[in-house]
PDB file of N, CA and C in Angstrom:
ATOM      1  N   MET A   1    -117.037  49.912 232.487  1.00  0.00           N
ATOM      2  CA  MET A   1    -116.270  50.905 233.202  1.00  0.00           C
ATOM      3  C   MET A   1    -116.570  50.732 234.685  1.00  0.00           C
ATOM      4  N   THR A   2    -115.539  50.614 235.491  1.00  0.00           N
ATOM      5  CA  THR A   2    -115.707  50.559 236.937  1.00  0.00           C
ATOM      6  C   THR A   2    -115.222  51.865 237.527  1.00  0.00           C
ATOM      7  N   GLN A   3    -115.842  52.302 238.620  1.00  0.00           N
ATOM      8  CA  GLN A   3    -115.491  53.590 239.192  1.00  0.00           C
ATOM      9  C   GLN A   3    -115.327  53.492 240.691  1.00  0.00           C
ATOM     10  N   LYS A   4    -114.693  54.531 241.241  1.00  0.00           N
ATOM     11  CA  LYS A   4    -114.481  54.636 242.676  1.00  0.00           C
ATOM     12  C   LYS A   4    -114.706  56.091 243.062  1.00  0.00           C
ATOM     13  N   ALA A   5    -115.353  56.320 244.186  1.00  0.00           N
ATOM     14  CA  ALA A   5    -115.622  57.678 244.662  1.00  0.00           C
ATOM     15  C   ALA A   5    -114.328  58.371 245.073  1.00  0.00           C
ATOM     16  N   SER A   6    -114.462  59.645 245.439  1.00  0.00           N
ATOM     17  CA  SER A   6    -113.278  60.402 245.849  1.00  0.00           C
ATOM     18  C   SER A   6    -112.607  59.735 247.045  1.00  0.00           C
ATOM     19  N   PHE A   7    -111.300  59.959 247.147  1.00  0.00           N
ATOM     20  CA  PHE A   7    -110.533  59.378 248.244  1.00  0.00           C
ATOM     21  C   PHE A   7    -109.309  60.222 248.507  1.00  0.00           C
ATOM     22  N   LYS A   8    -108.711  60.014 249.666  1.00  0.00           N
ATOM     23  CA  LYS A   8    -107.509  60.762 250.044  1.00  0.00           C
ATOM     24  C   LYS A   8    -106.348  59.807 250.207  1.00  0.00           C
ATOM     25  N   ILE A   9    -105.214  60.256 249.742  1.00  0.00           N
ATOM     26  CA  ILE A   9    -103.935  59.606 249.984  1.00  0.00           C
ATOM     27  C   ILE A   9    -103.105  60.681 250.661  1.00  0.00           C
ATOM     28  N   THR A  10    -102.217  60.325 251.533  1.00  0.00           N
ATOM     29  CA  THR A  10    -101.445  61.320 252.266  1.00  0.00           C
ATOM     30  C   THR A  10    -100.944  62.416 251.330  1.00  0.00           C
ATOM     31  N   GLY A  11    -101.393  63.637 251.581  1.00  0.00           N
ATOM     32  CA  GLY A  11    -100.968  64.787 250.797  1.00  0.00           C
ATOM     33  C   GLY A  11    -101.705  64.970 249.484  1.00  0.00           C
ATOM     34  N   GLU A  12    -102.676  64.110 249.164  1.00  0.00           N
ATOM     35  CA  GLU A  12    -103.398  64.204 247.888  1.00  0.00           C
ATOM     36  C   GLU A  12    -104.890  64.031 248.116  1.00  0.00           C
ATOM     37  N   GLN A  13    -105.686  64.731 247.321  1.00  0.00           N
ATOM     38  CA  GLN A  13    -107.124  64.524 247.278  1.00  0.00           C
ATOM     39  C   GLN A  13    -107.460  64.149 245.844  1.00  0.00           C
ATOM     40  N   VAL A  14    -108.096  63.014 245.646  1.00  0.00           N
ATOM     41  CA  VAL A  14    -108.474  62.548 244.314  1.00  0.00           C
ATOM     42  C   VAL A  14    -109.990  62.552 244.243  1.00  0.00           C
ATOM     43  N   ASP A  15    -110.551  63.202 243.215  1.00  0.00           N
ATOM     44  CA  ASP A  15    -112.000  63.340 243.113  1.00  0.00           C
ATOM     45  C   ASP A  15    -112.698  62.049 242.711  1.00  0.00           C
ATOM     46  N   GLY A  16    -111.984  61.137 242.125  1.00  0.00           N
ATOM     47  CA  GLY A  16    -112.558  59.852 241.741  1.00  0.00           C
ATOM     48  C   GLY A  16    -111.556  59.051 240.943  1.00  0.00           C
ATOM     49  N   ALA A  17    -111.918  57.817 240.671  1.00  0.00           N
ATOM     50  CA  ALA A  17    -111.055  56.936 239.879  1.00  0.00           C
ATOM     51  C   ALA A  17    -111.946  55.963 239.124  1.00  0.00           C
ATOM     52  N   PHE A  18    -111.481  55.532 237.968  1.00  0.00           N
ATOM     53  CA  PHE A  18    -112.219  54.542 237.197  1.00  0.00           C
ATOM     54  C   PHE A  18    -111.274  53.804 236.266  1.00  0.00           C
ATOM     55  N   THR A  19    -111.724  52.673 235.793  1.00  0.00           N
ATOM     56  CA  THR A  19    -110.979  51.894 234.808  1.00  0.00           C
ATOM     57  C   THR A  19    -111.787  51.889 233.527  1.00  0.00           C
ATOM     58  N   PHE A  20    -111.124  52.177 232.418  1.00  0.00           N
ATOM     59  CA  PHE A  20    -111.761  52.194 231.105  1.00  0.00           C
ATOM     60  C   PHE A  20    -110.824  51.525 230.111  1.00  0.00           C
ATOM     61  N   ARG A  21    -111.303  50.448 229.509  1.00  0.00           N
ATOM     62  CA  ARG A  21    -110.525  49.703 228.513  1.00  0.00           C
ATOM     63  C   ARG A  21    -109.117  49.393 228.998  1.00  0.00           C
ATOM     64  N   ASP A  22    -109.023  48.820 230.168  1.00  0.00           N
ATOM     65  CA  ASP A  22    -107.774  48.364 230.778  1.00  0.00           C
ATOM     66  C   ASP A  22    -106.834  49.471 231.228  1.00  0.00           C
ATOM     67  N   ASP A  23    -107.253  50.724 231.144  1.00  0.00           N
ATOM     68  CA  ASP A  23    -106.445  51.826 231.670  1.00  0.00           C
ATOM     69  C   ASP A  23    -107.098  52.352 232.937  1.00  0.00           C
ATOM     70  N   ASP A  24    -106.279  52.651 233.933  1.00  0.00           N
ATOM     71  CA  ASP A  24    -106.768  53.245 235.173  1.00  0.00           C
ATOM     72  C   ASP A  24    -106.667  54.756 235.065  1.00  0.00           C
ATOM     73  N   TYR A  25    -107.735  55.439 235.467  1.00  0.00           N
ATOM     74  CA  TYR A  25    -107.804  56.897 235.426  1.00  0.00           C
ATOM     75  C   TYR A  25    -108.038  57.437 236.824  1.00  0.00           C
ATOM     76  N   LEU A  26    -107.398  58.546 237.135  1.00  0.00           N
ATOM     77  CA  LEU A  26    -107.749  59.350 238.291  1.00  0.00           C
ATOM     78  C   LEU A  26    -108.461  60.587 237.755  1.00  0.00           C
ATOM     79  N   LEU A  27    -109.442  61.067 238.500  1.00  0.00           N
ATOM     80  CA  LEU A  27    -110.294  62.161 238.055  1.00  0.00           C
ATOM     81  C   LEU A  27    -110.081  63.401 238.910  1.00  0.00           C
ATOM     82  N   GLU A  28    -109.940  64.521 238.238  1.00  0.00           N
ATOM     83  CA  GLU A  28    -109.939  65.835 238.892  1.00  0.00           C
ATOM     84  C   GLU A  28    -111.073  66.625 238.250  1.00  0.00           C
ATOM     85  N   ALA A  29    -111.983  67.144 239.065  1.00  0.00           N
ATOM     86  CA  ALA A  29    -113.134  67.887 238.545  1.00  0.00           C
ATOM     87  C   ALA A  29    -113.185  69.264 239.186  1.00  0.00           C
ATOM     88  N   LYS A  30    -113.356  70.290 238.349  1.00  0.00           N
ATOM     89  CA  LYS A  30    -113.415  71.679 238.830  1.00  0.00           C
ATOM     90  C   LYS A  30    -114.641  72.365 238.225  1.00  0.00           C
ATOM     91  N   TRP A  31    -115.335  73.098 239.080  1.00  0.00           N
ATOM     92  CA  TRP A  31    -116.438  73.926 238.627  1.00  0.00           C
ATOM     93  C   TRP A  31    -116.210  75.292 239.255  1.00  0.00           C
ATOM     94  N   GLN A  32    -115.516  76.144 238.515  1.00  0.00           N
ATOM     95  CA  GLN A  32    -115.159  77.469 239.006  1.00  0.00           C
ATOM     96  C   GLN A  32    -115.288  78.465 237.869  1.00  0.00           C
ATOM     97  N   LYS A  33    -115.401  79.753 238.204  1.00  0.00           N
ATOM     98  CA  LYS A  33    -115.613  80.771 237.174  1.00  0.00           C
ATOM     99  C   LYS A  33    -114.364  81.019 236.329  1.00  0.00           C
ATOM    100  N   GLU A  34    -113.193  80.879 236.935  1.00  0.00           N
ATOM    101  CA  GLU A  34    -111.955  81.131 236.203  1.00  0.00           C
ATOM    102  C   GLU A  34    -111.600  79.913 235.355  1.00  0.00           C
ATOM    103  N   LEU A  35    -110.964  80.174 234.228  1.00  0.00           N
ATOM    104  CA  LEU A  35    -110.449  79.083 233.407  1.00  0.00           C
ATOM    105  C   LEU A  35    -109.327  78.389 234.168  1.00  0.00           C
ATOM    106  N   ILE A  36    -109.207  77.110 233.971  1.00  0.00           N
ATOM    107  CA  ILE A  36    -108.112  76.354 234.587  1.00  0.00           C
ATOM    108  C   ILE A  36    -106.806  76.805 233.949  1.00  0.00           C
ATOM    109  N   ASN A  37    -105.781  77.003 234.763  1.00  0.00           N
ATOM    110  CA  ASN A  37    -104.481  77.415 234.223  1.00  0.00           C
ATOM    111  C   ASN A  37    -103.526  76.230 234.177  1.00  0.00           C
ATOM    112  N   ALA A  38    -102.422  76.415 233.519  1.00  0.00           N
ATOM    113  CA  ALA A  38    -101.458  75.328 233.337  1.00  0.00           C
ATOM    114  C   ALA A  38    -100.914  74.810 234.662  1.00  0.00           C
ATOM    115  N   GLY A  39    -100.789  75.678 235.664  1.00  0.00           N
ATOM    116  CA  GLY A  39    -100.304  75.243 236.969  1.00  0.00           C
ATOM    117  C   GLY A  39    -101.183  74.157 237.579  1.00  0.00           C
ATOM    118  N   ASP A  40    -102.505  74.279 237.382  1.00  0.00           N
ATOM    119  CA  ASP A  40    -103.422  73.255 237.880  1.00  0.00           C
ATOM    120  C   ASP A  40    -103.185  71.925 237.178  1.00  0.00           C
ATOM    121  N   LEU A  41    -102.905  71.982 235.883  1.00  0.00           N
ATOM    122  CA  LEU A  41    -102.637  70.748 235.133  1.00  0.00           C
ATOM    123  C   LEU A  41    -101.337  70.095 235.596  1.00  0.00           C
ATOM    124  N   TYR A  42    -100.296  70.911 235.792  1.00  0.00           N
ATOM    125  CA  TYR A  42     -99.011  70.353 236.231  1.00  0.00           C
ATOM    126  C   TYR A  42     -99.125  69.730 237.620  1.00  0.00           C
ATOM    127  N   LYS A  43     -99.910  70.342 238.490  1.00  0.00           N
ATOM    128  CA  LYS A  43    -100.103  69.791 239.831  1.00  0.00           C
ATOM    129  C   LYS A  43    -100.785  68.423 239.752  1.00  0.00           C
ATOM    130  N   PHE A  44    -101.853  68.321 238.959  1.00  0.00           N
ATOM    131  CA  PHE A  44    -102.552  67.043 238.823  1.00  0.00           C
ATOM    132  C   PHE A  44    -101.680  66.014 238.111  1.00  0.00           C
ATOM    133  N   ALA A  45    -100.920  66.439 237.111  1.00  0.00           N
ATOM    134  CA  ALA A  45    -100.014  65.519 236.411  1.00  0.00           C
ATOM    135  C   ALA A  45     -98.977  64.948 237.376  1.00  0.00           C
ATOM    136  N   GLY A  46     -98.544  65.744 238.352  1.00  0.00           N
ATOM    137  CA  GLY A  46     -97.606  65.243 239.352  1.00  0.00           C
ATOM    138  C   GLY A  46     -98.202  64.107 240.168  1.00  0.00           C
ATOM    139  N   VAL A  47     -99.497  64.213 240.472  1.00  0.00           N
ATOM    140  CA  VAL A  47    -100.187  63.129 241.183  1.00  0.00           C
ATOM    141  C   VAL A  47    -100.216  61.884 240.304  1.00  0.00           C
ATOM    142  N   ILE A  48    -100.575  62.059 239.038  1.00  0.00           N
ATOM    143  CA  ILE A  48    -100.689  60.930 238.102  1.00  0.00           C
ATOM    144  C   ILE A  48     -99.331  60.272 237.893  1.00  0.00           C
ATOM    145  N   ASN A  49     -98.313  61.068 237.680  1.00  0.00           N
ATOM    146  CA  ASN A  49     -96.980  60.528 237.394  1.00  0.00           C
ATOM    147  C   ASN A  49     -96.373  59.783 238.575  1.00  0.00           C
ATOM    148  N   GLY A  50     -96.943  59.959 239.761  1.00  0.00           N
ATOM    149  CA  GLY A  50     -96.483  59.223 240.927  1.00  0.00           C
ATOM    150  C   GLY A  50     -97.137  57.852 241.065  1.00  0.00           C
ATOM    151  N   LYS A  51     -97.988  57.507 240.118  1.00  0.00           N
ATOM    152  CA  LYS A  51     -98.709  56.226 240.167  1.00  0.00           C
ATOM    153  C   LYS A  51     -98.116  55.250 239.150  1.00  0.00           C
ATOM    154  N   ARG A  52     -98.809  54.132 238.944  1.00  0.00           N
ATOM    155  CA  ARG A  52     -98.347  53.133 237.974  1.00  0.00           C
ATOM    156  C   ARG A  52     -98.202  53.745 236.583  1.00  0.00           C
ATOM    157  N   LYS A  53     -97.374  53.132 235.782  1.00  0.00           N
ATOM    158  CA  LYS A  53     -97.034  53.671 234.462  1.00  0.00           C
ATOM    159  C   LYS A  53     -98.246  53.884 233.563  1.00  0.00           C
ATOM    160  N   ASN A  54     -99.234  52.989 233.588  1.00  0.00           N
ATOM    161  CA  ASN A  54    -100.353  53.141 232.660  1.00  0.00           C
ATOM    162  C   ASN A  54    -101.522  53.924 233.257  1.00  0.00           C
ATOM    163  N   THR A  55    -101.309  54.607 234.384  1.00  0.00           N
ATOM    164  CA  THR A  55    -102.365  55.437 234.967  1.00  0.00           C
ATOM    165  C   THR A  55    -102.463  56.743 234.190  1.00  0.00           C
ATOM    166  N   LEU A  56    -103.697  57.120 233.873  1.00  0.00           N
ATOM    167  CA  LEU A  56    -103.965  58.368 233.166  1.00  0.00           C
ATOM    168  C   LEU A  56    -104.802  59.275 234.052  1.00  0.00           C
ATOM    169  N   GLY A  57    -104.860  60.535 233.708  1.00  0.00           N
ATOM    170  CA  GLY A  57    -105.671  61.492 234.448  1.00  0.00           C
ATOM    171  C   GLY A  57    -106.708  62.122 233.546  1.00  0.00           C
ATOM    172  N   LEU A  58    -107.930  62.239 234.043  1.00  0.00           N
ATOM    173  CA  LEU A  58    -108.989  62.957 233.342  1.00  0.00           C
ATOM    174  C   LEU A  58    -109.278  64.210 234.155  1.00  0.00           C
ATOM    175  N   PHE A  59    -108.996  65.364 233.556  1.00  0.00           N
ATOM    176  CA  PHE A  59    -109.221  66.639 234.216  1.00  0.00           C
ATOM    177  C   PHE A  59    -110.456  67.266 233.587  1.00  0.00           C
ATOM    178  N   VAL A  60    -111.519  67.418 234.386  1.00  0.00           N
ATOM    179  CA  VAL A  60    -112.775  67.980 233.905  1.00  0.00           C
ATOM    180  C   VAL A  60    -112.934  69.374 234.491  1.00  0.00           C
ATOM    181  N   SER A  61    -113.118  70.358 233.615  1.00  0.00           N
ATOM    182  CA  SER A  61    -113.376  71.729 234.031  1.00  0.00           C
ATOM    183  C   SER A  61    -114.645  72.199 233.333  1.00  0.00           C
ATOM    184  N   MET A  62    -115.683  72.438 234.096  1.00  0.00           N
ATOM    185  CA  MET A  62    -116.963  72.844 233.508  1.00  0.00           C
ATOM    186  C   MET A  62    -116.821  74.122 232.690  1.00  0.00           C
ATOM    187  N   ASP A  63    -116.010  75.069 233.151  1.00  0.00           N
ATOM    188  CA  ASP A  63    -115.909  76.351 232.473  1.00  0.00           C
ATOM    189  C   ASP A  63    -114.699  76.462 231.551  1.00  0.00           C
ATOM    190  N   GLY A  64    -113.972  75.379 231.373  1.00  0.00           N
ATOM    191  CA  GLY A  64    -112.920  75.361 230.378  1.00  0.00           C
ATOM    192  C   GLY A  64    -111.521  75.605 230.908  1.00  0.00           C
ATOM    193  N   PHE A  65    -110.610  75.732 229.954  1.00  0.00           N
ATOM    194  CA  PHE A  65    -109.179  75.809 230.217  1.00  0.00           C
ATOM    195  C   PHE A  65    -108.587  77.035 229.540  1.00  0.00           C
ATOM    196  N   SER A  66    -107.525  77.568 230.107  1.00  0.00           N
ATOM    197  CA  SER A  66    -106.836  78.711 229.504  1.00  0.00           C
ATOM    198  C   SER A  66    -106.220  78.291 228.170  1.00  0.00           C
ATOM    199  N   THR A  67    -105.894  79.260 227.358  1.00  0.00           N
ATOM    200  CA  THR A  67    -105.278  79.003 226.054  1.00  0.00           C
ATOM    201  C   THR A  67    -103.980  78.222 226.210  1.00  0.00           C
ATOM    202  N   GLU A  68    -103.177  78.563 227.225  1.00  0.00           N
ATOM    203  CA  GLU A  68    -101.915  77.844 227.416  1.00  0.00           C
ATOM    204  C   GLU A  68    -102.149  76.367 227.706  1.00  0.00           C
ATOM    205  N   CYS A  69    -103.230  76.036 228.397  1.00  0.00           N
ATOM    206  CA  CYS A  69    -103.558  74.625 228.660  1.00  0.00           C
ATOM    207  C   CYS A  69    -103.907  73.896 227.363  1.00  0.00           C
ATOM    208  N   LEU A  70    -104.670  74.555 226.513  1.00  0.00           N
ATOM    209  CA  LEU A  70    -105.163  73.916 225.292  1.00  0.00           C
ATOM    210  C   LEU A  70    -104.088  73.774 224.230  1.00  0.00           C
ATOM    211  N   GLN A  71    -103.031  74.573 224.326  1.00  0.00           N
ATOM    212  CA  GLN A  71    -101.992  74.537 223.301  1.00  0.00           C
ATOM    213  C   GLN A  71    -100.729  73.802 223.740  1.00  0.00           C
ATOM    214  N   THR A  72    -100.668  73.382 224.977  1.00  0.00           N
ATOM    215  CA  THR A  72     -99.437  72.765 225.465  1.00  0.00           C
ATOM    216  C   THR A  72     -99.215  71.384 224.861  1.00  0.00           C
ATOM    217  N   THR A  73     -97.973  71.096 224.606  1.00  0.00           N
ATOM    218  CA  THR A  73     -97.579  69.749 224.189  1.00  0.00           C
ATOM    219  C   THR A  73     -96.470  69.238 225.111  1.00  0.00           C
ATOM    220  N   SER A  74     -96.443  69.788 226.322  1.00  0.00           N
ATOM    221  CA  SER A  74     -95.422  69.390 227.294  1.00  0.00           C
ATOM    222  C   SER A  74     -95.519  67.905 227.585  1.00  0.00           C
ATOM    223  N   SER A  75     -94.394  67.234 227.558  1.00  0.00           N
ATOM    224  CA  SER A  75     -94.383  65.802 227.847  1.00  0.00           C
ATOM    225  C   SER A  75     -94.793  65.518 229.295  1.00  0.00           C
ATOM    226  N   ASP A  76     -94.656  66.505 230.178  1.00  0.00           N
ATOM    227  CA  ASP A  76     -95.071  66.328 231.566  1.00  0.00           C
ATOM    228  C   ASP A  76     -96.578  66.145 231.702  1.00  0.00           C
ATOM    229  N   LEU A  77     -97.330  66.618 230.710  1.00  0.00           N
ATOM    230  CA  LEU A  77     -98.792  66.571 230.785  1.00  0.00           C
ATOM    231  C   LEU A  77     -99.407  65.483 229.908  1.00  0.00           C
ATOM    232  N   ARG A  78     -98.608  64.691 229.260  1.00  0.00           N
ATOM    233  CA  ARG A  78     -99.146  63.672 228.347  1.00  0.00           C
ATOM    234  C   ARG A  78     -99.911  62.561 229.045  1.00  0.00           C
ATOM    235  N   CYS A  79     -99.880  62.545 230.350  1.00  0.00           N
ATOM    236  CA  CYS A  79    -100.651  61.560 231.119  1.00  0.00           C
ATOM    237  C   CYS A  79    -102.086  62.020 231.321  1.00  0.00           C
ATOM    238  N   LEU A  80    -102.435  63.226 230.827  1.00  0.00           N
ATOM    239  CA  LEU A  80    -103.755  63.809 231.045  1.00  0.00           C
ATOM    240  C   LEU A  80    -104.602  63.843 229.784  1.00  0.00           C
ATOM    241  N   ILE A  81    -105.905  63.857 230.008  1.00  0.00           N
ATOM    242  CA  ILE A  81    -106.898  64.140 228.975  1.00  0.00           C
ATOM    243  C   ILE A  81    -107.813  65.205 229.567  1.00  0.00           C
ATOM    244  N   LEU A  82    -108.178  66.204 228.757  1.00  0.00           N
ATOM    245  CA  LEU A  82    -109.006  67.304 229.240  1.00  0.00           C
ATOM    246  C   LEU A  82    -110.435  67.185 228.720  1.00  0.00           C
ATOM    247  N   MET A  83    -111.387  67.468 229.610  1.00  0.00           N
ATOM    248  CA  MET A  83    -112.801  67.523 229.260  1.00  0.00           C
ATOM    249  C   MET A  83    -113.379  68.805 229.813  1.00  0.00           C
ATOM    250  N   ASP A  84    -114.337  69.385 229.080  1.00  0.00           N
ATOM    251  CA  ASP A  84    -114.959  70.619 229.555  1.00  0.00           C
ATOM    252  C   ASP A  84    -116.485  70.497 229.526  1.00  0.00           C
ATOM    253  N   GLY A  85    -117.155  71.598 229.808  1.00  0.00           N
ATOM    254  CA  GLY A  85    -118.610  71.608 229.866  1.00  0.00           C
ATOM    255  C   GLY A  85    -119.268  71.245 228.550  1.00  0.00           C
ATOM    256  N   MET A  86    -118.655  71.613 227.425  1.00  0.00           N
ATOM    257  CA  MET A  86    -119.219  71.232 226.121  1.00  0.00           C
ATOM    258  C   MET A  86    -119.227  69.719 225.956  1.00  0.00           C
ATOM    259  N   ASP A  87    -118.187  69.068 226.437  1.00  0.00           N
ATOM    260  CA  ASP A  87    -118.125  67.604 226.380  1.00  0.00           C
ATOM    261  C   ASP A  87    -119.273  66.988 227.181  1.00  0.00           C
ATOM    262  N   LEU A  88    -119.438  67.475 228.408  1.00  0.00           N
ATOM    263  CA  LEU A  88    -120.496  66.929 229.257  1.00  0.00           C
ATOM    264  C   LEU A  88    -121.878  67.200 228.680  1.00  0.00           C
ATOM    265  N   ASN A  89    -122.063  68.372 228.074  1.00  0.00           N
ATOM    266  CA  ASN A  89    -123.330  68.683 227.428  1.00  0.00           C
ATOM    267  C   ASN A  89    -123.608  67.717 226.284  1.00  0.00           C
ATOM    268  N   ALA A  90    -122.599  67.402 225.493  1.00  0.00           N
ATOM    269  CA  ALA A  90    -122.771  66.470 224.374  1.00  0.00           C
ATOM    270  C   ALA A  90    -123.155  65.079 224.872  1.00  0.00           C
ATOM    271  N   ILE A  91    -122.596  64.675 226.007  1.00  0.00           N
ATOM    272  CA  ILE A  91    -122.946  63.376 226.593  1.00  0.00           C
ATOM    273  C   ILE A  91    -124.388  63.395 227.107  1.00  0.00           C
ATOM    274  N   LEU A  92    -124.739  64.428 227.851  1.00  0.00           N
ATOM    275  CA  LEU A  92    -126.062  64.512 228.464  1.00  0.00           C
ATOM    276  C   LEU A  92    -127.184  64.689 227.447  1.00  0.00           C
ATOM    277  N   THR A  93    -126.857  65.227 226.269  1.00  0.00           N
ATOM    278  CA  THR A  93    -127.871  65.394 225.217  1.00  0.00           C
ATOM    279  C   THR A  93    -127.805  64.264 224.192  1.00  0.00           C
ATOM    280  N   ASP A  94    -127.113  63.190 224.539  1.00  0.00           N
ATOM    281  CA  ASP A  94    -127.040  61.970 223.711  1.00  0.00           C
ATOM    282  C   ASP A  94    -126.464  62.193 222.315  1.00  0.00           C
ATOM    283  N   ARG A  95    -125.558  63.166 222.177  1.00  0.00           N
ATOM    284  CA  ARG A  95    -124.873  63.343 220.896  1.00  0.00           C
ATOM    285  C   ARG A  95    -123.650  62.451 220.787  1.00  0.00           C
ATOM    286  N   ILE A  96    -123.164  61.954 221.945  1.00  0.00           N
ATOM    287  CA  ILE A  96    -122.039  61.034 221.983  1.00  0.00           C
ATOM    288  C   ILE A  96    -122.082  60.315 223.332  1.00  0.00           C
ATOM    289  N   THR A  97    -121.579  59.102 223.366  1.00  0.00           N
ATOM    290  CA  THR A  97    -121.518  58.393 224.648  1.00  0.00           C
ATOM    291  C   THR A  97    -120.219  58.751 225.357  1.00  0.00           C
ATOM    292  N   LEU A  98    -120.222  58.606 226.669  1.00  0.00           N
ATOM    293  CA  LEU A  98    -119.002  58.852 227.437  1.00  0.00           C
ATOM    294  C   LEU A  98    -117.888  57.930 226.976  1.00  0.00           C
ATOM    295  N   ASP A  99    -118.213  56.661 226.743  1.00  0.00           N
ATOM    296  CA  ASP A  99    -117.194  55.707 226.284  1.00  0.00           C
ATOM    297  C   ASP A  99    -116.554  56.156 224.980  1.00  0.00           C
ATOM    298  N   ASP A 100    -117.383  56.555 224.010  1.00  0.00           N
ATOM    299  CA  ASP A 100    -116.854  56.969 222.711  1.00  0.00           C
ATOM    300  C   ASP A 100    -116.035  58.257 222.839  1.00  0.00           C
ATOM    301  N   LEU A 101    -116.526  59.206 223.604  1.00  0.00           N
ATOM    302  CA  LEU A 101    -115.799  60.466 223.773  1.00  0.00           C
ATOM    303  C   LEU A 101    -114.442  60.237 224.429  1.00  0.00           C
ATOM    304  N   LEU A 102    -114.427  59.466 225.491  1.00  0.00           N
ATOM    305  CA  LEU A 102    -113.173  59.198 226.184  1.00  0.00           C
ATOM    306  C   LEU A 102    -112.198  58.448 225.281  1.00  0.00           C
ATOM    307  N   TYR A 103    -112.697  57.471 224.550  1.00  0.00           N
ATOM    308  CA  TYR A 103    -111.839  56.727 223.619  1.00  0.00           C
ATOM    309  C   TYR A 103    -111.255  57.652 222.557  1.00  0.00           C
ATOM    310  N   ARG A 104    -112.084  58.495 221.956  1.00  0.00           N
ATOM    311  CA  ARG A 104    -111.615  59.389 220.885  1.00  0.00           C
ATOM    312  C   ARG A 104    -110.616  60.421 221.418  1.00  0.00           C
ATOM    313  N   LYS A 105    -110.857  60.954 222.593  1.00  0.00           N
ATOM    314  CA  LYS A 105    -109.931  61.921 223.182  1.00  0.00           C
ATOM    315  C   LYS A 105    -108.590  61.254 223.511  1.00  0.00           C
ATOM    316  N   ARG A 106    -108.656  60.056 224.075  1.00  0.00           N
ATOM    317  CA  ARG A 106    -107.414  59.339 224.414  1.00  0.00           C
ATOM    318  C   ARG A 106    -106.625  59.012 223.145  1.00  0.00           C
ATOM    319  N   ARG A 107    -107.307  58.536 222.114  1.00  0.00           N
ATOM    320  CA  ARG A 107    -106.625  58.208 220.861  1.00  0.00           C
ATOM    321  C   ARG A 107    -106.010  59.453 220.232  1.00  0.00           C
ATOM    322  N   HIS A 108    -106.740  60.568 220.245  1.00  0.00           N
ATOM    323  CA  HIS A 108    -106.213  61.827 219.704  1.00  0.00           C
ATOM    324  C   HIS A 108    -104.945  62.248 220.460  1.00  0.00           C
ATOM    325  N   ALA A 109    -104.984  62.150 221.786  1.00  0.00           N
ATOM    326  CA  ALA A 109    -103.809  62.521 222.590  1.00  0.00           C
ATOM    327  C   ALA A 109    -102.627  61.610 222.274  1.00  0.00           C
ATOM    328  N   SER A 110    -102.899  60.330 222.090  1.00  0.00           N
ATOM    329  CA  SER A 110    -101.824  59.380 221.767  1.00  0.00           C
ATOM    330  C   SER A 110    -101.221  59.661 220.398  1.00  0.00           C
ATOM    331  N   GLU A 111    -102.063  60.027 219.444  1.00  0.00           N
ATOM    332  CA  GLU A 111    -101.593  60.249 218.067  1.00  0.00           C
ATOM    333  C   GLU A 111    -100.922  61.602 217.874  1.00  0.00           C
ATOM    334  N   THR A 112    -101.380  62.632 218.604  1.00  0.00           N
ATOM    335  CA  THR A 112    -100.900  63.988 218.335  1.00  0.00           C
ATOM    336  C   THR A 112    -100.083  64.610 219.456  1.00  0.00           C
ATOM    337  N   GLY A 113    -100.214  64.095 220.677  1.00  0.00           N
ATOM    338  CA  GLY A 113     -99.580  64.723 221.826  1.00  0.00           C
ATOM    339  C   GLY A 113    -100.412  65.855 222.401  1.00  0.00           C
ATOM    340  N   ASN A 114    -101.541  66.184 221.762  1.00  0.00           N
ATOM    341  CA  ASN A 114    -102.425  67.253 222.218  1.00  0.00           C
ATOM    342  C   ASN A 114    -103.451  66.654 223.179  1.00  0.00           C
ATOM    343  N   ILE A 115    -103.485  67.140 224.418  1.00  0.00           N
ATOM    344  CA  ILE A 115    -104.328  66.535 225.448  1.00  0.00           C
ATOM    345  C   ILE A 115    -105.764  67.049 225.430  1.00  0.00           C
ATOM    346  N   TYR A 116    -106.085  67.987 224.539  1.00  0.00           N
ATOM    347  CA  TYR A 116    -107.447  68.501 224.424  1.00  0.00           C
ATOM    348  C   TYR A 116    -107.947  68.312 223.000  1.00  0.00           C
ATOM    349  N   LEU A 117    -109.147  67.811 222.885  1.00  0.00           N
ATOM    350  CA  LEU A 117    -109.828  67.708 221.589  1.00  0.00           C
ATOM    351  C   LEU A 117    -111.242  68.191 221.808  1.00  0.00           C
ATOM    352  N   ASN A 118    -111.645  69.228 221.066  1.00  0.00           N
ATOM    353  CA  ASN A 118    -112.979  69.784 221.179  1.00  0.00           C
ATOM    354  C   ASN A 118    -113.991  68.773 220.676  1.00  0.00           C
ATOM    355  N   VAL A 119    -115.048  68.561 221.449  1.00  0.00           N
ATOM    356  CA  VAL A 119    -116.061  67.571 221.099  1.00  0.00           C
ATOM    357  C   VAL A 119    -116.704  67.869 219.744  1.00  0.00           C
ATOM    358  N   ASN A 120    -116.809  69.141 219.380  1.00  0.00           N
ATOM    359  CA  ASN A 120    -117.413  69.486 218.084  1.00  0.00           C
ATOM    360  C   ASN A 120    -116.598  68.946 216.912  1.00  0.00           C
ATOM    361  N   LYS A 121    -115.285  68.852 217.062  1.00  0.00           N
ATOM    362  CA  LYS A 121    -114.450  68.262 216.005  1.00  0.00           C
ATOM    363  C   LYS A 121    -114.720  66.770 215.877  1.00  0.00           C
ATOM    364  N   ILE A 122    -115.056  66.120 216.973  1.00  0.00           N
ATOM    365  CA  ILE A 122    -115.380  64.702 216.935  1.00  0.00           C
ATOM    366  C   ILE A 122    -116.738  64.497 216.264  1.00  0.00           C
ATOM    367  N   LEU A 123    -117.707  65.338 216.621  1.00  0.00           N
ATOM    368  CA  LEU A 123    -119.065  65.152 216.132  1.00  0.00           C
ATOM    369  C   LEU A 123    -119.217  65.438 214.647  1.00  0.00           C
ATOM    370  N   VAL A 124    -118.361  66.259 214.065  1.00  0.00           N
ATOM    371  CA  VAL A 124    -118.472  66.553 212.627  1.00  0.00           C
ATOM    372  C   VAL A 124    -117.632  65.606 211.766  1.00  0.00           C
ATOM    373  N   SER A 125    -116.823  64.783 212.405  1.00  0.00           N
ATOM    374  CA  SER A 125    -115.975  63.876 211.603  1.00  0.00           C
ATOM    375  C   SER A 125    -116.669  62.567 211.323  1.00  0.00           C
TER     376      SER A 125
END
């Protein structure tokens, strides 16, 4: 996995970028008390959709996402994968590797159209 620190493009702020298994990802990371709402996802998806066709977005929210974010199957958001604090905790406590988690989340999104997969569902399967 190769990575790049945050950078600015005219009118956009990107928290980071990386390549994983031949796919390019842009990263959005939030650590705030409020749950992320769907508007935040649509805004980031607009950034992603303005890039190359195989660019994906990883949206990380330490405190999680609103119910509408977790239940959406909007085609506008299919370029995104969601990660939360439980995911990061599972990585930091060596219950799963970042590579495996990202691969499983991406595959789940590709198979179901659902951009969120709870890490606990991965760990019990």
